[in-house]
Protein backbone atom coordinates (compact mmCIF):
# COMPACT_ATOMS: atom_id res chain seq x y z
CA MET A 1 8.42 -3.03 -2.41
CA LEU A 2 5.72 -1.50 -0.26
CA ARG A 3 6.72 -3.57 2.77
CA LEU A 4 3.18 -4.83 3.28
CA THR A 5 2.56 -8.19 4.87
CA GLN A 6 0.23 -10.72 3.29
CA GLN A 7 -2.08 -10.08 6.21
CA GLN A 8 -2.19 -6.34 5.49
CA VAL A 9 -2.86 -6.92 1.79
CA ALA A 10 -5.54 -9.48 2.60
CA ILE A 11 -7.35 -7.09 4.94
CA ALA A 12 -7.21 -4.29 2.37
CA VAL A 13 -8.55 -6.57 -0.39
CA GLY A 14 -11.12 -8.27 1.82
CA VAL A 15 -9.87 -11.87 1.87
CA ARG A 16 -7.98 -14.07 4.31
CA PHE A 17 -4.19 -14.07 4.12
CA GLN A 18 -4.26 -17.72 3.05
CA GLN A 19 -6.06 -16.64 -0.12
CA ILE A 20 -3.32 -14.10 -0.84
CA GLN A 21 -0.78 -16.94 -0.46
CA LYS A 22 -2.74 -19.04 -2.96
CA TYR A 23 -2.84 -16.15 -5.44
CA GLU A 24 0.86 -15.50 -4.98
CA CYS A 25 1.97 -19.06 -5.70
CA GLY A 26 -0.54 -19.54 -8.53
CA GLU A 27 -2.54 -22.20 -6.69
CA THR A 28 -5.77 -20.22 -7.16
CA ARG A 29 -6.83 -18.02 -10.05
CA ILE A 30 -7.63 -14.43 -9.32
CA SER A 31 -10.73 -12.82 -10.78
CA ALA A 32 -10.52 -9.64 -12.83
CA ALA A 33 -12.47 -7.76 -10.16
CA ARG A 34 -10.13 -8.93 -7.40
CA LEU A 35 -7.09 -8.06 -9.54
CA TRP A 36 -8.48 -4.57 -10.13
CA ASN A 37 -9.05 -4.17 -6.39
CA LEU A 38 -5.53 -5.41 -5.66
CA ALA A 39 -4.11 -2.87 -8.12
CA LYS A 40 -5.99 -0.10 -6.30
CA VAL A 41 -4.71 -1.27 -2.90
CA LEU A 42 -1.12 -1.47 -4.17
CA ASP A 43 -1.49 1.81 -6.09
CA VAL A 44 -0.29 0.34 -9.39
CA PRO A 45 -1.89 0.33 -12.84
CA ILE A 46 -3.63 -2.93 -13.75
CA GLY A 47 -1.03 -3.43 -16.50
CA TYR A 48 1.60 -3.86 -13.80
CA PHE A 49 0.50 -7.45 -13.38
CA PHE A 50 0.95 -8.16 -17.09
CA GLU A 51 4.42 -6.69 -17.62
CA GLY A 52 6.60 -9.13 -19.55
CA LEU A 53 3.64 -11.27 -20.59
CA SER A 54 4.21 -10.73 -24.32
CA GLN A 55 7.66 -12.33 -23.98
CA VAL A 56 6.10 -15.40 -22.35
CA GLU A 57 3.46 -15.56 -25.08
CA ASP A 58 6.12 -15.32 -27.79
CA ARG A 59 8.02 -18.29 -26.32
CA ALA A 60 4.84 -20.32 -25.88
CA SER A 61 3.78 -19.60 -29.47
CA ALA A 62 7.17 -20.69 -30.79
CA GLN A 63 7.02 -23.91 -28.75
CA PHE A 64 3.50 -24.62 -29.97
CA ALA A 65 4.48 -24.01 -33.61
CA GLU A 66 7.44 -26.36 -33.23
CA ALA A 67 5.28 -29.08 -31.69
CA ALA A 68 2.58 -28.70 -34.35
CA ARG A 69 4.99 -28.92 -37.27
CA PRO A 70 4.48 -32.16 -39.21
CA THR A 71 7.32 -34.62 -38.91
CA THR A 72 8.58 -36.86 -41.68
CA ARG A 73 9.02 -40.50 -40.94
CA ALA A 74 11.67 -42.67 -42.44
CA ARG A 75 10.19 -45.64 -44.29
């Protein structure tokens, strides 16, 4: 949306562009401090990165509840 390259974001955040690629594809976790810094660089609230998360949690909770439900076995 901001038309920034990974290289530009990396320089602004203080990492190599390869690290930005790893963050982007989920290969590497991002620390809270780095996420806060990234939000500042991109000029978005920190909550921007968590939009829609409650919907994912709701689905995961429903799947977990289904898997944890005791099953009856035919004898």
